[in-house]
Amino acid sequence: MDEIKACQEHIEEALDDAIYGGFEMPILKAFSPVDKEVYKCAYCEKLPIYVVENEHSHTI
């Protein structure tokens, strides 16, 4: 898992999962894709507003 997208309600859970899931240095960023309808929170069906990434992820 290189990133976790999360809504406002689930950002704390996403950070916990990143830390306990082995992310070396989780980074919290605002998430603002062009087409927001394609993406969903990893924990519910809401639109994500944050993304937690791994410091060494290819997504950065």
PDB file of N, CA and C in Angstrom:
ATOM      1  N   MET A   1       0.854  -1.175   0.000  1.00  0.00           N
ATOM      2  CA  MET A   1       0.000   0.000   0.000  1.00  0.00           C
ATOM      3  C   MET A   1       0.896   1.233   0.000  1.00  0.00           C
ATOM      4  N   ASP A   2       0.792   2.056  -1.024  1.00  0.00           N
ATOM      5  CA  ASP A   2       1.611   3.253  -1.143  1.00  0.00           C
ATOM      6  C   ASP A   2       0.887   4.516  -0.721  1.00  0.00           C
ATOM      7  N   GLU A   3      -0.443   4.461  -0.694  1.00  0.00           N
ATOM      8  CA  GLU A   3      -1.204   5.639  -0.291  1.00  0.00           C
ATOM      9  C   GLU A   3      -2.589   5.236   0.196  1.00  0.00           C
ATOM     10  N   ILE A   4      -3.151   6.088   1.043  1.00  0.00           N
ATOM     11  CA  ILE A   4      -4.503   5.876   1.545  1.00  0.00           C
ATOM     12  C   ILE A   4      -5.259   7.175   1.365  1.00  0.00           C
ATOM     13  N   LYS A   5      -6.344   7.131   0.629  1.00  0.00           N
ATOM     14  CA  LYS A   5      -7.196   8.308   0.456  1.00  0.00           C
ATOM     15  C   LYS A   5      -8.260   8.302   1.543  1.00  0.00           C
ATOM     16  N   ALA A   6      -8.522   9.462   2.155  1.00  0.00           N
ATOM     17  CA  ALA A   6      -9.465   9.505   3.267  1.00  0.00           C
ATOM     18  C   ALA A   6     -10.264  10.805   3.284  1.00  0.00           C
ATOM     19  N   CYS A   7     -11.487  10.689   3.784  1.00  0.00           N
ATOM     20  CA  CYS A   7     -12.332  11.861   3.991  1.00  0.00           C
ATOM     21  C   CYS A   7     -11.986  12.471   5.357  1.00  0.00           C
ATOM     22  N   GLN A   8     -12.607  13.580   5.679  1.00  0.00           N
ATOM     23  CA  GLN A   8     -12.359  14.262   6.953  1.00  0.00           C
ATOM     24  C   GLN A   8     -12.628  13.342   8.154  1.00  0.00           C
ATOM     25  N   GLU A   9     -13.683  12.566   8.061  1.00  0.00           N
ATOM     26  CA  GLU A   9     -14.089  11.689   9.164  1.00  0.00           C
ATOM     27  C   GLU A   9     -13.080  10.567   9.435  1.00  0.00           C
ATOM     28  N   HIS A  10     -12.378  10.110   8.413  1.00  0.00           N
ATOM     29  CA  HIS A  10     -11.524   8.937   8.555  1.00  0.00           C
ATOM     30  C   HIS A  10     -10.019   9.224   8.481  1.00  0.00           C
ATOM     31  N   ILE A  11      -9.602  10.478   8.525  1.00  0.00           N
ATOM     32  CA  ILE A  11      -8.176  10.778   8.372  1.00  0.00           C
ATOM     33  C   ILE A  11      -7.339  10.209   9.523  1.00  0.00           C
ATOM     34  N   GLU A  12      -7.859  10.239  10.738  1.00  0.00           N
ATOM     35  CA  GLU A  12      -7.099   9.684  11.864  1.00  0.00           C
ATOM     36  C   GLU A  12      -6.894   8.177  11.708  1.00  0.00           C
ATOM     37  N   GLU A  13      -7.923   7.488  11.251  1.00  0.00           N
ATOM     38  CA  GLU A  13      -7.816   6.046  11.014  1.00  0.00           C
ATOM     39  C   GLU A  13      -6.792   5.755   9.908  1.00  0.00           C
ATOM     40  N   ALA A  14      -6.785   6.583   8.870  1.00  0.00           N
ATOM     41  CA  ALA A  14      -5.824   6.405   7.775  1.00  0.00           C
ATOM     42  C   ALA A  14      -4.390   6.601   8.273  1.00  0.00           C
ATOM     43  N   LEU A  15      -4.172   7.608   9.109  1.00  0.00           N
ATOM     44  CA  LEU A  15      -2.836   7.830   9.662  1.00  0.00           C
ATOM     45  C   LEU A  15      -2.413   6.668  10.549  1.00  0.00           C
ATOM     46  N   ASP A  16      -3.318   6.174  11.379  1.00  0.00           N
ATOM     47  CA  ASP A  16      -3.014   5.019  12.224  1.00  0.00           C
ATOM     48  C   ASP A  16      -2.663   3.802  11.378  1.00  0.00           C
ATOM     49  N   ASP A  17      -3.450   3.542  10.344  1.00  0.00           N
ATOM     50  CA  ASP A  17      -3.188   2.392   9.476  1.00  0.00           C
ATOM     51  C   ASP A  17      -1.841   2.531   8.768  1.00  0.00           C
ATOM     52  N   ALA A  18      -1.496   3.754   8.365  1.00  0.00           N
ATOM     53  CA  ALA A  18      -0.215   3.979   7.696  1.00  0.00           C
ATOM     54  C   ALA A  18       0.939   3.705   8.646  1.00  0.00           C
ATOM     55  N   ILE A  19       0.826   4.192   9.868  1.00  0.00           N
ATOM     56  CA  ILE A  19       1.899   4.010  10.848  1.00  0.00           C
ATOM     57  C   ILE A  19       2.047   2.541  11.218  1.00  0.00           C
ATOM     58  N   TYR A  20       0.941   1.889  11.535  1.00  0.00           N
ATOM     59  CA  TYR A  20       0.992   0.488  11.947  1.00  0.00           C
ATOM     60  C   TYR A  20       1.148  -0.463  10.764  1.00  0.00           C
ATOM     61  N   GLY A  21       0.899   0.039   9.570  1.00  0.00           N
ATOM     62  CA  GLY A  21       1.016  -0.798   8.377  1.00  0.00           C
ATOM     63  C   GLY A  21       2.396  -0.788   7.756  1.00  0.00           C
ATOM     64  N   GLY A  22       3.329  -0.060   8.353  1.00  0.00           N
ATOM     65  CA  GLY A  22       4.699  -0.129   7.876  1.00  0.00           C
ATOM     66  C   GLY A  22       5.167   1.036   7.024  1.00  0.00           C
ATOM     67  N   PHE A  23       4.384   2.101   6.905  1.00  0.00           N
ATOM     68  CA  PHE A  23       4.872   3.262   6.174  1.00  0.00           C
ATOM     69  C   PHE A  23       6.079   3.799   6.945  1.00  0.00           C
ATOM     70  N   GLU A  24       7.195   4.015   6.268  1.00  0.00           N
ATOM     71  CA  GLU A  24       8.396   4.485   6.949  1.00  0.00           C
ATOM     72  C   GLU A  24       8.217   5.902   7.483  1.00  0.00           C
ATOM     73  N   MET A  25       7.652   6.783   6.697  1.00  0.00           N
ATOM     74  CA  MET A  25       7.410   8.153   7.114  1.00  0.00           C
ATOM     75  C   MET A  25       6.143   8.635   6.413  1.00  0.00           C
ATOM     76  N   PRO A  26       4.971   8.426   7.030  1.00  0.00           N
ATOM     77  CA  PRO A  26       3.735   8.841   6.360  1.00  0.00           C
ATOM     78  C   PRO A  26       3.678  10.350   6.172  1.00  0.00           C
ATOM     79  N   ILE A  27       3.186  10.751   5.027  1.00  0.00           N
ATOM     80  CA  ILE A  27       3.050  12.161   4.689  1.00  0.00           C
ATOM     81  C   ILE A  27       1.579  12.439   4.406  1.00  0.00           C
ATOM     82  N   LEU A  28       1.037  13.447   5.055  1.00  0.00           N
ATOM     83  CA  LEU A  28      -0.359  13.840   4.867  1.00  0.00           C
ATOM     84  C   LEU A  28      -0.408  15.008   3.898  1.00  0.00           C
ATOM     85  N   LYS A  29      -1.186  14.853   2.826  1.00  0.00           N
ATOM     86  CA  LYS A  29      -1.327  15.907   1.822  1.00  0.00           C
ATOM     87  C   LYS A  29      -2.800  16.136   1.515  1.00  0.00           C
ATOM     88  N   ALA A  30      -3.101  17.333   1.072  1.00  0.00           N
ATOM     89  CA  ALA A  30      -4.445  17.615   0.564  1.00  0.00           C
ATOM     90  C   ALA A  30      -4.608  16.843  -0.741  1.00  0.00           C
ATOM     91  N   PHE A  31      -5.804  16.326  -0.970  1.00  0.00           N
ATOM     92  CA  PHE A  31      -6.083  15.543  -2.179  1.00  0.00           C
ATOM     93  C   PHE A  31      -7.065  16.316  -3.030  1.00  0.00           C
ATOM     94  N   SER A  32      -6.638  16.705  -4.219  1.00  0.00           N
ATOM     95  CA  SER A  32      -7.525  17.471  -5.088  1.00  0.00           C
ATOM     96  C   SER A  32      -7.338  17.078  -6.556  1.00  0.00           C
ATOM     97  N   PRO A  33      -7.800  15.884  -6.906  1.00  0.00           N
ATOM     98  CA  PRO A  33      -7.694  15.464  -8.311  1.00  0.00           C
ATOM     99  C   PRO A  33      -8.680  16.241  -9.176  1.00  0.00           C
ATOM    100  N   VAL A  34      -8.439  16.229 -10.456  1.00  0.00           N
ATOM    101  CA  VAL A  34      -9.316  16.921 -11.392  1.00  0.00           C
ATOM    102  C   VAL A  34     -10.699  16.278 -11.397  1.00  0.00           C
ATOM    103  N   ASP A  35     -10.747  14.958 -11.447  1.00  0.00           N
ATOM    104  CA  ASP A  35     -12.016  14.230 -11.490  1.00  0.00           C
ATOM    105  C   ASP A  35     -12.260  13.542 -10.151  1.00  0.00           C
ATOM    106  N   LYS A  36     -12.842  14.242  -9.199  1.00  0.00           N
ATOM    107  CA  LYS A  36     -13.037  13.712  -7.849  1.00  0.00           C
ATOM    108  C   LYS A  36     -14.027  12.553  -7.801  1.00  0.00           C
ATOM    109  N   GLU A  37     -14.887  12.431  -8.775  1.00  0.00           N
ATOM    110  CA  GLU A  37     -15.907  11.380  -8.750  1.00  0.00           C
ATOM    111  C   GLU A  37     -15.305   9.985  -8.895  1.00  0.00           C
ATOM    112  N   VAL A  38     -14.094   9.878  -9.391  1.00  0.00           N
ATOM    113  CA  VAL A  38     -13.456   8.587  -9.604  1.00  0.00           C
ATOM    114  C   VAL A  38     -12.939   8.000  -8.286  1.00  0.00           C
ATOM    115  N   TYR A  39     -12.594   8.844  -7.336  1.00  0.00           N
ATOM    116  CA  TYR A  39     -11.947   8.401  -6.097  1.00  0.00           C
ATOM    117  C   TYR A  39     -12.915   8.382  -4.927  1.00  0.00           C
ATOM    118  N   LYS A  40     -12.702   7.426  -4.016  1.00  0.00           N
ATOM    119  CA  LYS A  40     -13.521   7.286  -2.803  1.00  0.00           C
ATOM    120  C   LYS A  40     -12.594   7.139  -1.604  1.00  0.00           C
ATOM    121  N   CYS A  41     -13.090   7.510  -0.454  1.00  0.00           N
ATOM    122  CA  CYS A  41     -12.383   7.290   0.804  1.00  0.00           C
ATOM    123  C   CYS A  41     -12.147   5.787   0.956  1.00  0.00           C
ATOM    124  N   ALA A  42     -11.012   5.414   1.522  1.00  0.00           N
ATOM    125  CA  ALA A  42     -10.692   3.994   1.713  1.00  0.00           C
ATOM    126  C   ALA A  42     -11.586   3.327   2.752  1.00  0.00           C
ATOM    127  N   TYR A  43     -12.339   4.119   3.525  1.00  0.00           N
ATOM    128  CA  TYR A  43     -13.140   3.577   4.629  1.00  0.00           C
ATOM    129  C   TYR A  43     -14.644   3.763   4.440  1.00  0.00           C
ATOM    130  N   CYS A  44     -15.036   4.581   3.473  1.00  0.00           N
ATOM    131  CA  CYS A  44     -16.460   4.806   3.211  1.00  0.00           C
ATOM    132  C   CYS A  44     -16.627   5.252   1.758  1.00  0.00           C
ATOM    133  N   GLU A  45     -17.766   5.706   1.399  1.00  0.00           N
ATOM    134  CA  GLU A  45     -18.038   6.098   0.010  1.00  0.00           C
ATOM    135  C   GLU A  45     -17.919   7.603  -0.248  1.00  0.00           C
ATOM    136  N   LYS A  46     -17.495   8.352   0.777  1.00  0.00           N
ATOM    137  CA  LYS A  46     -17.366   9.805   0.616  1.00  0.00           C
ATOM    138  C   LYS A  46     -16.161  10.152  -0.257  1.00  0.00           C
ATOM    139  N   LEU A  47     -16.161  11.388  -0.770  1.00  0.00           N
ATOM    140  CA  LEU A  47     -15.031  11.860  -1.551  1.00  0.00           C
ATOM    141  C   LEU A  47     -13.850  12.127  -0.627  1.00  0.00           C
ATOM    142  N   PRO A  48     -12.661  11.696  -1.001  1.00  0.00           N
ATOM    143  CA  PRO A  48     -11.494  11.948  -0.148  1.00  0.00           C
ATOM    144  C   PRO A  48     -11.028  13.394  -0.260  1.00  0.00           C
ATOM    145  N   ILE A  49     -10.524  13.935   0.841  1.00  0.00           N
ATOM    146  CA  ILE A  49      -9.927  15.265   0.804  1.00  0.00           C
ATOM    147  C   ILE A  49      -8.467  15.228   1.257  1.00  0.00           C
ATOM    148  N   TYR A  50      -8.019  14.055   1.719  1.00  0.00           N
ATOM    149  CA  TYR A  50      -6.628  13.864   2.125  1.00  0.00           C
ATOM    150  C   TYR A  50      -6.078  12.593   1.495  1.00  0.00           C
ATOM    151  N   VAL A  51      -4.776  12.560   1.364  1.00  0.00           N
ATOM    152  CA  VAL A  51      -4.087  11.335   0.979  1.00  0.00           C
ATOM    153  C   VAL A  51      -2.882  11.193   1.905  1.00  0.00           C
ATOM    154  N   VAL A  52      -2.720   9.994   2.466  1.00  0.00           N
ATOM    155  CA  VAL A  52      -1.567   9.675   3.294  1.00  0.00           C
ATOM    156  C   VAL A  52      -0.656   8.831   2.416  1.00  0.00           C
ATOM    157  N   GLU A  53       0.566   9.305   2.219  1.00  0.00           N
ATOM    158  CA  GLU A  53       1.497   8.626   1.330  1.00  0.00           C
ATOM    159  C   GLU A  53       2.710   8.129   2.091  1.00  0.00           C
ATOM    160  N   ASN A  54       3.360   7.130   1.510  1.00  0.00           N
ATOM    161  CA  ASN A  54       4.620   6.625   2.022  1.00  0.00           C
ATOM    162  C   ASN A  54       5.724   7.542   1.484  1.00  0.00           C
ATOM    163  N   GLU A  55       6.671   7.890   2.341  1.00  0.00           N
ATOM    164  CA  GLU A  55       7.761   8.776   1.924  1.00  0.00           C
ATOM    165  C   GLU A  55       8.490   8.255   0.695  1.00  0.00           C
ATOM    166  N   HIS A  56       8.589   6.952   0.573  1.00  0.00           N
ATOM    167  CA  HIS A  56       9.347   6.347  -0.525  1.00  0.00           C
ATOM    168  C   HIS A  56       8.456   5.840  -1.653  1.00  0.00           C
ATOM    169  N   SER A  57       7.219   6.315  -1.679  1.00  0.00           N
ATOM    170  CA  SER A  57       6.272   5.873  -2.686  1.00  0.00           C
ATOM    171  C   SER A  57       6.612   6.479  -4.045  1.00  0.00           C
ATOM    172  N   HIS A  58       6.308   5.746  -5.098  1.00  0.00           N
ATOM    173  CA  HIS A  58       6.476   6.265  -6.448  1.00  0.00           C
ATOM    174  C   HIS A  58       5.443   7.341  -6.768  1.00  0.00           C
ATOM    175  N   THR A  59       4.464   7.547  -5.893  1.00  0.00           N
ATOM    176  CA  THR A  59       3.400   8.516  -6.160  1.00  0.00           C
ATOM    177  C   THR A  59       3.800   9.940  -5.794  1.00  0.00           C
ATOM    178  N   ILE A  60       4.935  10.097  -5.149  1.00  0.00           N
ATOM    179  CA  ILE A  60       5.369  11.442  -4.733  1.00  0.00           C
ATOM    180  C   ILE A  60       6.225  12.061  -5.813  1.00  0.00           C
TER     181      ILE A  60
END
